[in-house]
PDB file of all heavy atoms in Angstrom:
ATOM      1  N   MET A   1      -4.546 -24.598  16.952  1.00  0.00           N
ATOM      2  CA  MET A   1      -3.545 -25.085  17.887  1.00  0.00           C
ATOM      3  C   MET A   1      -4.135 -26.154  18.795  1.00  0.00           C
ATOM      4  O   MET A   1      -3.529 -27.190  19.020  1.00  0.00           O
ATOM      5  CB  MET A   1      -3.007 -23.925  18.733  1.00  0.00           C
ATOM      6  CG  MET A   1      -2.132 -22.971  17.975  1.00  0.00           C
ATOM      7  SD  MET A   1      -1.807 -21.434  18.864  1.00  0.00           S
ATOM      8  CE  MET A   1      -1.173 -22.021  20.407  1.00  0.00           C
ATOM      9  N   ILE A   2      -5.320 -25.907  19.320  1.00  0.00           N
ATOM     10  CA  ILE A   2      -5.951 -26.850  20.232  1.00  0.00           C
ATOM     11  C   ILE A   2      -6.408 -28.090  19.478  1.00  0.00           C
ATOM     12  O   ILE A   2      -6.220 -29.214  19.907  1.00  0.00           O
ATOM     13  CB  ILE A   2      -7.108 -26.167  20.980  1.00  0.00           C
ATOM     14  CG1 ILE A   2      -6.538 -25.061  21.896  1.00  0.00           C
ATOM     15  CG2 ILE A   2      -7.917 -27.170  21.789  1.00  0.00           C
ATOM     16  CD1 ILE A   2      -7.573 -24.154  22.486  1.00  0.00           C
ATOM     17  N   ARG A   3      -7.004 -27.908  18.314  1.00  0.00           N
ATOM     18  CA  ARG A   3      -7.527 -29.019  17.523  1.00  0.00           C
ATOM     19  C   ARG A   3      -6.429 -29.963  17.050  1.00  0.00           C
ATOM     20  O   ARG A   3      -6.591 -31.170  17.023  1.00  0.00           O
ATOM     21  CB  ARG A   3      -8.291 -28.471  16.326  1.00  0.00           C
ATOM     22  CG  ARG A   3      -8.985 -29.548  15.523  1.00  0.00           C
ATOM     23  CD  ARG A   3      -9.918 -28.911  14.509  1.00  0.00           C
ATOM     24  NE  ARG A   3     -10.609 -29.939  13.780  1.00  0.00           N
ATOM     25  CZ  ARG A   3     -10.291 -30.328  12.557  1.00  0.00           C
ATOM     26  NH1 ARG A   3      -9.294 -29.768  11.920  1.00  0.00           N
ATOM     27  NH2 ARG A   3     -10.976 -31.271  11.951  1.00  0.00           N
ATOM     28  N   GLU A   4      -5.297 -29.409  16.690  1.00  0.00           N
ATOM     29  CA  GLU A   4      -4.206 -30.224  16.166  1.00  0.00           C
ATOM     30  C   GLU A   4      -3.391 -30.871  17.281  1.00  0.00           C
ATOM     31  O   GLU A   4      -2.400 -31.524  17.025  1.00  0.00           O
ATOM     32  CB  GLU A   4      -3.291 -29.365  15.277  1.00  0.00           C
ATOM     33  CG  GLU A   4      -3.961 -28.880  14.015  1.00  0.00           C
ATOM     34  CD  GLU A   4      -4.422 -30.018  13.121  1.00  0.00           C
ATOM     35  OE1 GLU A   4      -3.679 -31.011  12.981  1.00  0.00           O
ATOM     36  OE2 GLU A   4      -5.523 -29.920  12.569  1.00  0.00           O
ATOM     37  N   GLY A   5      -3.806 -30.682  18.535  1.00  0.00           N
ATOM     38  CA  GLY A   5      -3.130 -31.337  19.639  1.00  0.00           C
ATOM     39  C   GLY A   5      -1.840 -30.672  20.078  1.00  0.00           C
ATOM     40  O   GLY A   5      -1.004 -31.292  20.704  1.00  0.00           O
ATOM     41  N   TRP A   6      -1.677 -29.395  19.760  1.00  0.00           N
ATOM     42  CA  TRP A   6      -0.508 -28.698  20.247  1.00  0.00           C
ATOM     43  C   TRP A   6      -0.590 -28.662  21.764  1.00  0.00           C
ATOM     44  O   TRP A   6      -1.643 -28.775  22.360  1.00  0.00           O
ATOM     45  CB  TRP A   6      -0.449 -27.286  19.675  1.00  0.00           C
ATOM     46  CG  TRP A   6      -0.146 -27.244  18.211  1.00  0.00           C
ATOM     47  CD1 TRP A   6      -0.099 -28.293  17.345  1.00  0.00           C
ATOM     48  CD2 TRP A   6       0.126 -26.090  17.435  1.00  0.00           C
ATOM     49  NE1 TRP A   6       0.195 -27.865  16.081  1.00  0.00           N
ATOM     50  CE2 TRP A   6       0.329 -26.514  16.113  1.00  0.00           C
ATOM     51  CE3 TRP A   6       0.218 -24.745  17.728  1.00  0.00           C
ATOM     52  CZ2 TRP A   6       0.638 -25.637  15.095  1.00  0.00           C
ATOM     53  CZ3 TRP A   6       0.506 -23.870  16.708  1.00  0.00           C
ATOM     54  CH2 TRP A   6       0.727 -24.308  15.403  1.00  0.00           C
ATOM     55  N   SER A   7       0.522 -28.490  22.373  1.00  0.00           N
ATOM     56  CA  SER A   7       0.580 -28.501  23.825  1.00  0.00           C
ATOM     57  C   SER A   7      -0.294 -27.397  24.422  1.00  0.00           C
ATOM     58  O   SER A   7      -0.289 -26.265  23.951  1.00  0.00           O
ATOM     59  CB  SER A   7       2.030 -28.300  24.267  1.00  0.00           C
ATOM     60  OG  SER A   7       2.114 -28.276  25.657  1.00  0.00           O
ATOM     61  N   THR A   8      -1.082 -27.765  25.416  1.00  0.00           N
ATOM     62  CA  THR A   8      -1.839 -26.788  26.198  1.00  0.00           C
ATOM     63  C   THR A   8      -1.688 -27.159  27.657  1.00  0.00           C
ATOM     64  O   THR A   8      -1.433 -28.307  28.006  1.00  0.00           O
ATOM     65  CB  THR A   8      -3.337 -26.766  25.842  1.00  0.00           C
ATOM     66  OG1 THR A   8      -3.894 -28.051  26.105  1.00  0.00           O
ATOM     67  CG2 THR A   8      -3.578 -26.370  24.408  1.00  0.00           C
ATOM     68  N   GLU A   9      -1.836 -26.197  28.516  1.00  0.00           N
ATOM     69  CA  GLU A   9      -1.713 -26.399  29.946  1.00  0.00           C
ATOM     70  C   GLU A   9      -2.957 -25.795  30.588  1.00  0.00           C
ATOM     71  O   GLU A   9      -3.264 -24.630  30.384  1.00  0.00           O
ATOM     72  CB  GLU A   9      -0.443 -25.689  30.433  1.00  0.00           C
ATOM     73  CG  GLU A   9       0.019 -26.037  31.799  1.00  0.00           C
ATOM     74  CD  GLU A   9       0.684 -27.397  31.893  1.00  0.00           C
ATOM     75  OE1 GLU A   9       1.195 -27.916  30.891  1.00  0.00           O
ATOM     76  OE2 GLU A   9       0.684 -27.937  33.005  1.00  0.00           O
ATOM     77  N   THR A  10      -3.705 -26.597  31.366  1.00  0.00           N
ATOM     78  CA  THR A  10      -4.884 -26.108  32.064  1.00  0.00           C
ATOM     79  C   THR A  10      -4.484 -25.783  33.498  1.00  0.00           C
ATOM     80  O   THR A  10      -3.844 -26.605  34.167  1.00  0.00           O
ATOM     81  CB  THR A  10      -6.001 -27.166  32.051  1.00  0.00           C
ATOM     82  OG1 THR A  10      -6.295 -27.487  30.688  1.00  0.00           O
ATOM     83  CG2 THR A  10      -7.255 -26.653  32.703  1.00  0.00           C
ATOM     84  N   VAL A  11      -4.859 -24.584  33.972  1.00  0.00           N
ATOM     85  CA  VAL A  11      -4.423 -24.145  35.297  1.00  0.00           C
ATOM     86  C   VAL A  11      -5.579 -23.559  36.093  1.00  0.00           C
ATOM     87  O   VAL A  11      -6.542 -23.030  35.538  1.00  0.00           O
ATOM     88  CB  VAL A  11      -3.282 -23.105  35.202  1.00  0.00           C
ATOM     89  CG1 VAL A  11      -2.031 -23.707  34.615  1.00  0.00           C
ATOM     90  CG2 VAL A  11      -3.711 -21.892  34.390  1.00  0.00           C
ATOM     91  N   SER A  12      -5.456 -23.653  37.424  1.00  0.00           N
ATOM     92  CA  SER A  12      -6.325 -22.969  38.379  1.00  0.00           C
ATOM     93  C   SER A  12      -5.617 -23.011  39.725  1.00  0.00           C
ATOM     94  O   SER A  12      -4.660 -23.769  39.910  1.00  0.00           O
ATOM     95  CB  SER A  12      -7.705 -23.619  38.460  1.00  0.00           C
ATOM     96  OG  SER A  12      -7.604 -24.938  38.950  1.00  0.00           O
ATOM     97  N   GLY A  13      -6.061 -22.189  40.659  1.00  0.00           N
ATOM     98  CA  GLY A  13      -5.442 -22.166  41.990  1.00  0.00           C
ATOM     99  C   GLY A  13      -4.125 -21.413  42.008  1.00  0.00           C
ATOM    100  O   GLY A  13      -3.922 -20.470  41.254  1.00  0.00           O
ATOM    101  N   ASN A  14      -3.206 -21.840  42.890  1.00  0.00           N
ATOM    102  CA  ASN A  14      -1.903 -21.192  43.015  1.00  0.00           C
ATOM    103  C   ASN A  14      -1.029 -21.490  41.802  1.00  0.00           C
ATOM    104  O   ASN A  14      -0.946 -22.630  41.361  1.00  0.00           O
ATOM    105  CB  ASN A  14      -1.179 -21.666  44.270  1.00  0.00           C
ATOM    106  CG  ASN A  14      -1.822 -21.154  45.535  1.00  0.00           C
ATOM    107  OD1 ASN A  14      -2.527 -20.154  45.541  1.00  0.00           O
ATOM    108  ND2 ASN A  14      -1.583 -21.840  46.638  1.00  0.00           N
ATOM    109  N   VAL A  15      -0.393 -20.455  41.271  1.00  0.00           N
ATOM    110  CA  VAL A  15       0.522 -20.594  40.143  1.00  0.00           C
ATOM    111  C   VAL A  15       1.813 -19.850  40.454  1.00  0.00           C
ATOM    112  O   VAL A  15       1.786 -18.769  41.023  1.00  0.00           O
ATOM    113  CB  VAL A  15      -0.098 -20.080  38.821  1.00  0.00           C
ATOM    114  CG1 VAL A  15      -1.282 -20.928  38.405  1.00  0.00           C
ATOM    115  CG2 VAL A  15      -0.512 -18.621  38.918  1.00  0.00           C
ATOM    116  N   TYR A  16       2.951 -20.472  40.104  1.00  0.00           N
ATOM    117  CA  TYR A  16       4.253 -19.838  40.241  1.00  0.00           C
ATOM    118  C   TYR A  16       5.252 -20.651  39.434  1.00  0.00           C
ATOM    119  O   TYR A  16       4.920 -21.716  38.911  1.00  0.00           O
ATOM    120  CB  TYR A  16       4.682 -19.696  41.711  1.00  0.00           C
ATOM    121  CG  TYR A  16       4.560 -20.965  42.522  1.00  0.00           C
ATOM    122  CD1 TYR A  16       5.594 -21.876  42.587  1.00  0.00           C
ATOM    123  CD2 TYR A  16       3.392 -21.230  43.230  1.00  0.00           C
ATOM    124  CE1 TYR A  16       5.479 -23.038  43.331  1.00  0.00           C
ATOM    125  CE2 TYR A  16       3.265 -22.388  43.983  1.00  0.00           C
ATOM    126  CZ  TYR A  16       4.319 -23.282  44.037  1.00  0.00           C
ATOM    127  OH  TYR A  16       4.186 -24.427  44.775  1.00  0.00           O
ATOM    128  N   GLY A  17       6.445 -20.112  39.283  1.00  0.00           N
ATOM    129  CA  GLY A  17       7.438 -20.765  38.431  1.00  0.00           C
ATOM    130  C   GLY A  17       7.533 -20.042  37.098  1.00  0.00           C
ATOM    131  O   GLY A  17       7.443 -18.819  37.047  1.00  0.00           O
ATOM    132  N   THR A  18       7.661 -20.797  36.014  1.00  0.00           N
ATOM    133  CA  THR A  18       7.796 -20.207  34.676  1.00  0.00           C
ATOM    134  C   THR A  18       6.784 -20.821  33.727  1.00  0.00           C
ATOM    135  O   THR A  18       6.649 -22.043  33.676  1.00  0.00           O
ATOM    136  CB  THR A  18       9.217 -20.442  34.127  1.00  0.00           C
ATOM    137  OG1 THR A  18      10.163 -19.876  35.039  1.00  0.00           O
ATOM    138  CG2 THR A  18       9.390 -19.794  32.762  1.00  0.00           C
ATOM    139  N   TRP A  19       6.076 -19.966  32.994  1.00  0.00           N
ATOM    140  CA  TRP A  19       5.195 -20.430  31.923  1.00  0.00           C
ATOM    141  C   TRP A  19       5.942 -20.222  30.616  1.00  0.00           C
ATOM    142  O   TRP A  19       6.402 -19.128  30.321  1.00  0.00           O
ATOM    143  CB  TRP A  19       3.885 -19.652  31.921  1.00  0.00           C
ATOM    144  CG  TRP A  19       2.969 -20.036  33.042  1.00  0.00           C
ATOM    145  CD1 TRP A  19       3.218 -20.921  34.056  1.00  0.00           C
ATOM    146  CD2 TRP A  19       1.656 -19.539  33.277  1.00  0.00           C
ATOM    147  NE1 TRP A  19       2.131 -21.009  34.889  1.00  0.00           N
ATOM    148  CE2 TRP A  19       1.161 -20.174  34.438  1.00  0.00           C
ATOM    149  CE3 TRP A  19       0.848 -18.629  32.624  1.00  0.00           C
ATOM    150  CZ2 TRP A  19      -0.107 -19.906  34.959  1.00  0.00           C
ATOM    151  CZ3 TRP A  19      -0.411 -18.362  33.130  1.00  0.00           C
ATOM    152  CH2 TRP A  19      -0.884 -19.007  34.285  1.00  0.00           C
ATOM    153  N   THR A  20       6.045 -21.298  29.827  1.00  0.00           N
ATOM    154  CA  THR A  20       6.849 -21.263  28.616  1.00  0.00           C
ATOM    155  C   THR A  20       5.981 -21.244  27.356  1.00  0.00           C
ATOM    156  O   THR A  20       4.838 -21.697  27.369  1.00  0.00           O
ATOM    157  CB  THR A  20       7.770 -22.492  28.549  1.00  0.00           C
ATOM    158  OG1 THR A  20       6.963 -23.673  28.469  1.00  0.00           O
ATOM    159  CG2 THR A  20       8.684 -22.575  29.758  1.00  0.00           C
ATOM    160  N   LYS A  21       6.574 -20.753  26.296  1.00  0.00           N
ATOM    161  CA  LYS A  21       5.900 -20.722  25.001  1.00  0.00           C
ATOM    162  C   LYS A  21       5.579 -22.135  24.522  1.00  0.00           C
ATOM    163  O   LYS A  21       4.553 -22.368  23.889  1.00  0.00           O
ATOM    164  CB  LYS A  21       6.792 -19.996  23.994  1.00  0.00           C
ATOM    165  CG  LYS A  21       6.169 -19.793  22.650  1.00  0.00           C
ATOM    166  CD  LYS A  21       7.102 -19.002  21.754  1.00  0.00           C
ATOM    167  CE  LYS A  21       6.511 -18.803  20.382  1.00  0.00           C
ATOM    168  NZ  LYS A  21       7.425 -18.052  19.515  1.00  0.00           N
ATOM    169  N   GLU A  22       6.437 -23.099  24.833  1.00  0.00           N
ATOM    170  CA  GLU A  22       6.236 -24.475  24.401  1.00  0.00           C
ATOM    171  C   GLU A  22       4.969 -25.097  24.993  1.00  0.00           C
ATOM    172  O   GLU A  22       4.371 -25.970  24.378  1.00  0.00           O
ATOM    173  CB  GLU A  22       7.450 -25.344  24.768  1.00  0.00           C
ATOM    174  CG  GLU A  22       8.697 -25.031  23.954  1.00  0.00           C
ATOM    175  CD  GLU A  22       9.389 -23.739  24.400  1.00  0.00           C
ATOM    176  OE1 GLU A  22       9.300 -23.365  25.581  1.00  0.00           O
ATOM    177  OE2 GLU A  22      10.006 -23.095  23.536  1.00  0.00           O
ATOM    178  N   LYS A  23       4.570 -24.684  26.189  1.00  0.00           N
ATOM    179  CA  LYS A  23       3.368 -25.243  26.823  1.00  0.00           C
ATOM    180  C   LYS A  23       2.135 -24.369  26.593  1.00  0.00           C
ATOM    181  O   LYS A  23       1.061 -24.673  27.077  1.00  0.00           O
ATOM    182  CB  LYS A  23       3.594 -25.423  28.319  1.00  0.00           C
ATOM    183  CG  LYS A  23       4.580 -26.521  28.626  1.00  0.00           C
ATOM    184  CD  LYS A  23       4.653 -26.762  30.114  1.00  0.00           C
ATOM    185  CE  LYS A  23       5.603 -27.904  30.427  1.00  0.00           C
ATOM    186  NZ  LYS A  23       5.687 -28.143  31.876  1.00  0.00           N
ATOM    187  N   SER A  24       2.294 -23.288  25.879  1.00  0.00           N
ATOM    188  CA  SER A  24       1.210 -22.361  25.592  1.00  0.00           C
ATOM    189  C   SER A  24       0.259 -22.953  24.549  1.00  0.00           C
ATOM    190  O   SER A  24       0.705 -23.716  23.686  1.00  0.00           O
ATOM    191  CB  SER A  24       1.829 -21.064  25.074  1.00  0.00           C
ATOM    192  OG  SER A  24       0.872 -20.098  24.763  1.00  0.00           O
ATOM    193  N   PRO A  25      -1.034 -22.669  24.587  1.00  0.00           N
ATOM    194  CA  PRO A  25      -1.681 -21.710  25.476  1.00  0.00           C
ATOM    195  C   PRO A  25      -1.978 -22.307  26.852  1.00  0.00           C
ATOM    196  O   PRO A  25      -2.166 -23.509  26.992  1.00  0.00           O
ATOM    197  CB  PRO A  25      -2.973 -21.386  24.746  1.00  0.00           C
ATOM    198  CG  PRO A  25      -3.309 -22.615  23.981  1.00  0.00           C
ATOM    199  CD  PRO A  25      -1.985 -23.207  23.591  1.00  0.00           C
ATOM    200  N   TYR A  26      -2.015 -21.437  27.847  1.00  0.00           N
ATOM    201  CA  TYR A  26      -2.425 -21.812  29.189  1.00  0.00           C
ATOM    202  C   TYR A  26      -3.909 -21.485  29.298  1.00  0.00           C
ATOM    203  O   TYR A  26      -4.317 -20.345  29.066  1.00  0.00           O
ATOM    204  CB  TYR A  26      -1.618 -21.039  30.236  1.00  0.00           C
ATOM    205  CG  TYR A  26      -0.183 -21.514  30.306  1.00  0.00           C
ATOM    206  CD1 TYR A  26       0.764 -21.089  29.385  1.00  0.00           C
ATOM    207  CD2 TYR A  26       0.211 -22.409  31.282  1.00  0.00           C
ATOM    208  CE1 TYR A  26       2.070 -21.543  29.435  1.00  0.00           C
ATOM    209  CE2 TYR A  26       1.520 -22.865  31.347  1.00  0.00           C
ATOM    210  CZ  TYR A  26       2.439 -22.431  30.421  1.00  0.00           C
ATOM    211  OH  TYR A  26       3.735 -22.884  30.475  1.00  0.00           O
ATOM    212  N   ILE A  27      -4.714 -22.489  29.626  1.00  0.00           N
ATOM    213  CA  ILE A  27      -6.162 -22.322  29.726  1.00  0.00           C
ATOM    214  C   ILE A  27      -6.524 -22.224  31.203  1.00  0.00           C
ATOM    215  O   ILE A  27      -6.317 -23.179  31.966  1.00  0.00           O
ATOM    216  CB  ILE A  27      -6.914 -23.511  29.077  1.00  0.00           C
ATOM    217  CG1 ILE A  27      -6.399 -23.803  27.667  1.00  0.00           C
ATOM    218  CG2 ILE A  27      -8.418 -23.272  29.111  1.00  0.00           C
ATOM    219  CD1 ILE A  27      -6.589 -22.709  26.664  1.00  0.00           C
ATOM    220  N   VAL A  28      -7.057 -21.086  31.619  1.00  0.00           N
ATOM    221  CA  VAL A  28      -7.400 -20.845  33.025  1.00  0.00           C
ATOM    222  C   VAL A  28      -8.864 -21.200  33.215  1.00  0.00           C
ATOM    223  O   VAL A  28      -9.743 -20.544  32.665  1.00  0.00           O
ATOM    224  CB  VAL A  28      -7.131 -19.377  33.408  1.00  0.00           C
ATOM    225  CG1 VAL A  28      -7.509 -19.127  34.860  1.00  0.00           C
ATOM    226  CG2 VAL A  28      -5.672 -19.012  33.143  1.00  0.00           C
ATOM    227  N   ASN A  29      -9.134 -22.263  33.997  1.00  0.00           N
ATOM    228  CA  ASN A  29     -10.517 -22.705  34.172  1.00  0.00           C
ATOM    229  C   ASN A  29     -11.056 -22.446  35.574  1.00  0.00           C
ATOM    230  O   ASN A  29     -12.132 -22.902  35.927  1.00  0.00           O
ATOM    231  CB  ASN A  29     -10.673 -24.186  33.801  1.00  0.00           C
ATOM    232  CG  ASN A  29      -9.846 -25.096  34.658  1.00  0.00           C
ATOM    233  OD1 ASN A  29      -9.180 -24.656  35.591  1.00  0.00           O
ATOM    234  ND2 ASN A  29      -9.849 -26.376  34.341  1.00  0.00           N
ATOM    235  N   GLY A  30     -10.310 -21.708  36.376  1.00  0.00           N
ATOM    236  CA  GLY A  30     -10.728 -21.267  37.704  1.00  0.00           C
ATOM    237  C   GLY A  30      -9.812 -20.128  38.105  1.00  0.00           C
ATOM    238  O   GLY A  30      -8.756 -19.937  37.498  1.00  0.00           O
ATOM    239  N   ASP A  31     -10.189 -19.348  39.115  1.00  0.00           N
ATOM    240  CA  ASP A  31      -9.332 -18.244  39.538  1.00  0.00           C
ATOM    241  C   ASP A  31      -7.920 -18.748  39.790  1.00  0.00           C
ATOM    242  O   ASP A  31      -7.715 -19.851  40.293  1.00  0.00           O
ATOM    243  CB  ASP A  31      -9.858 -17.606  40.822  1.00  0.00           C
ATOM    244  CG  ASP A  31     -11.139 -16.813  40.607  1.00  0.00           C
ATOM    245  OD1 ASP A  31     -11.533 -16.614  39.444  1.00  0.00           O
ATOM    246  OD2 ASP A  31     -11.732 -16.384  41.613  1.00  0.00           O
ATOM    247  N   ILE A  32      -6.935 -17.924  39.417  1.00  0.00           N
ATOM    248  CA  ILE A  32      -5.538 -18.243  39.692  1.00  0.00           C
ATOM    249  C   ILE A  32      -4.939 -17.128  40.519  1.00  0.00           C
ATOM    250  O   ILE A  32      -5.401 -15.985  40.476  1.00  0.00           O
ATOM    251  CB  ILE A  32      -4.704 -18.473  38.406  1.00  0.00           C
ATOM    252  CG1 ILE A  32      -4.726 -17.246  37.485  1.00  0.00           C
ATOM    253  CG2 ILE A  32      -5.180 -19.714  37.675  1.00  0.00           C
ATOM    254  CD1 ILE A  32      -3.792 -17.358  36.280  1.00  0.00           C
ATOM    255  N   ASN A  33      -3.898 -17.486  41.301  1.00  0.00           N
ATOM    256  CA  ASN A  33      -3.191 -16.445  42.039  1.00  0.00           C
ATOM    257  C   ASN A  33      -1.743 -16.828  42.252  1.00  0.00           C
ATOM    258  O   ASN A  33      -1.408 -18.007  42.403  1.00  0.00           O
ATOM    259  CB  ASN A  33      -3.904 -16.123  43.352  1.00  0.00           C
ATOM    260  CG  ASN A  33      -3.792 -17.221  44.367  1.00  0.00           C
ATOM    261  OD1 ASN A  33      -2.795 -17.300  45.055  1.00  0.00           O
ATOM    262  ND2 ASN A  33      -4.799 -18.069  44.456  1.00  0.00           N
ATOM    263  N   VAL A  34      -0.891 -15.798  42.218  1.00  0.00           N
ATOM    264  CA  VAL A  34       0.509 -15.942  42.561  1.00  0.00           C
ATOM    265  C   VAL A  34       0.588 -15.626  44.053  1.00  0.00           C
ATOM    266  O   VAL A  34       0.329 -14.495  44.458  1.00  0.00           O
ATOM    267  CB  VAL A  34       1.403 -14.982  41.757  1.00  0.00           C
ATOM    268  CG1 VAL A  34       2.863 -15.143  42.161  1.00  0.00           C
ATOM    269  CG2 VAL A  34       1.224 -15.185  40.261  1.00  0.00           C
ATOM    270  N   PRO A  35       0.899 -16.627  44.894  1.00  0.00           N
ATOM    271  CA  PRO A  35       0.907 -16.405  46.339  1.00  0.00           C
ATOM    272  C   PRO A  35       2.003 -15.435  46.782  1.00  0.00           C
ATOM    273  O   PRO A  35       3.042 -15.307  46.124  1.00  0.00           O
ATOM    274  CB  PRO A  35       1.165 -17.794  46.924  1.00  0.00           C
ATOM    275  CG  PRO A  35       0.986 -18.760  45.814  1.00  0.00           C
ATOM    276  CD  PRO A  35       1.213 -18.007  44.551  1.00  0.00           C
ATOM    277  N   SER A  36       1.788 -14.801  47.917  1.00  0.00           N
ATOM    278  CA  SER A  36       2.794 -13.942  48.527  1.00  0.00           C
ATOM    279  C   SER A  36       4.077 -14.742  48.737  1.00  0.00           C
ATOM    280  O   SER A  36       4.039 -15.894  49.163  1.00  0.00           O
ATOM    281  CB  SER A  36       2.268 -13.413  49.858  1.00  0.00           C
ATOM    282  OG  SER A  36       3.209 -12.573  50.457  1.00  0.00           O
ATOM    283  N   GLY A  37       5.210 -14.151  48.402  1.00  0.00           N
ATOM    284  CA  GLY A  37       6.493 -14.828  48.554  1.00  0.00           C
ATOM    285  C   GLY A  37       6.874 -15.708  47.368  1.00  0.00           C
ATOM    286  O   GLY A  37       7.953 -16.283  47.346  1.00  0.00           O
ATOM    287  N   LYS A  38       5.993 -15.847  46.373  1.00  0.00           N
ATOM    288  CA  LYS A  38       6.251 -16.653  45.173  1.00  0.00           C
ATOM    289  C   LYS A  38       6.279 -15.736  43.954  1.00  0.00           C
ATOM    290  O   LYS A  38       5.820 -14.600  43.999  1.00  0.00           O
ATOM    291  CB  LYS A  38       5.176 -17.715  44.973  1.00  0.00           C
ATOM    292  CG  LYS A  38       5.064 -18.713  46.094  1.00  0.00           C
ATOM    293  CD  LYS A  38       6.194 -19.716  46.024  1.00  0.00           C
ATOM    294  CE  LYS A  38       5.986 -20.796  47.078  1.00  0.00           C
ATOM    295  NZ  LYS A  38       7.009 -21.815  47.027  1.00  0.00           N
ATOM    296  N   GLY A  39       6.781 -16.262  42.834  1.00  0.00           N
ATOM    297  CA  GLY A  39       6.836 -15.490  41.603  1.00  0.00           C
ATOM    298  C   GLY A  39       6.429 -16.320  40.400  1.00  0.00           C
ATOM    299  O   GLY A  39       6.621 -17.532  40.370  1.00  0.00           O
ATOM    300  N   LEU A  40       5.840 -15.647  39.425  1.00  0.00           N
ATOM    301  CA  LEU A  40       5.492 -16.269  38.152  1.00  0.00           C
ATOM    302  C   LEU A  40       6.151 -15.467  37.047  1.00  0.00           C
ATOM    303  O   LEU A  40       5.970 -14.249  36.961  1.00  0.00           O
ATOM    304  CB  LEU A  40       3.977 -16.301  37.936  1.00  0.00           C
ATOM    305  CG  LEU A  40       3.500 -16.825  36.578  1.00  0.00           C
ATOM    306  CD1 LEU A  40       3.878 -18.299  36.405  1.00  0.00           C
ATOM    307  CD2 LEU A  40       2.004 -16.633  36.427  1.00  0.00           C
TER     308      LEU A  40
END
């Protein structure tokens, strides 16, 4: 998937909103957190 250039999303820090199958895989390269009052 990565080699063929399929969509990937690199994340770190605050995360919220929606993670979709189309942007998968999500590569976490630093600690992530869903802040208080937000949702993922």
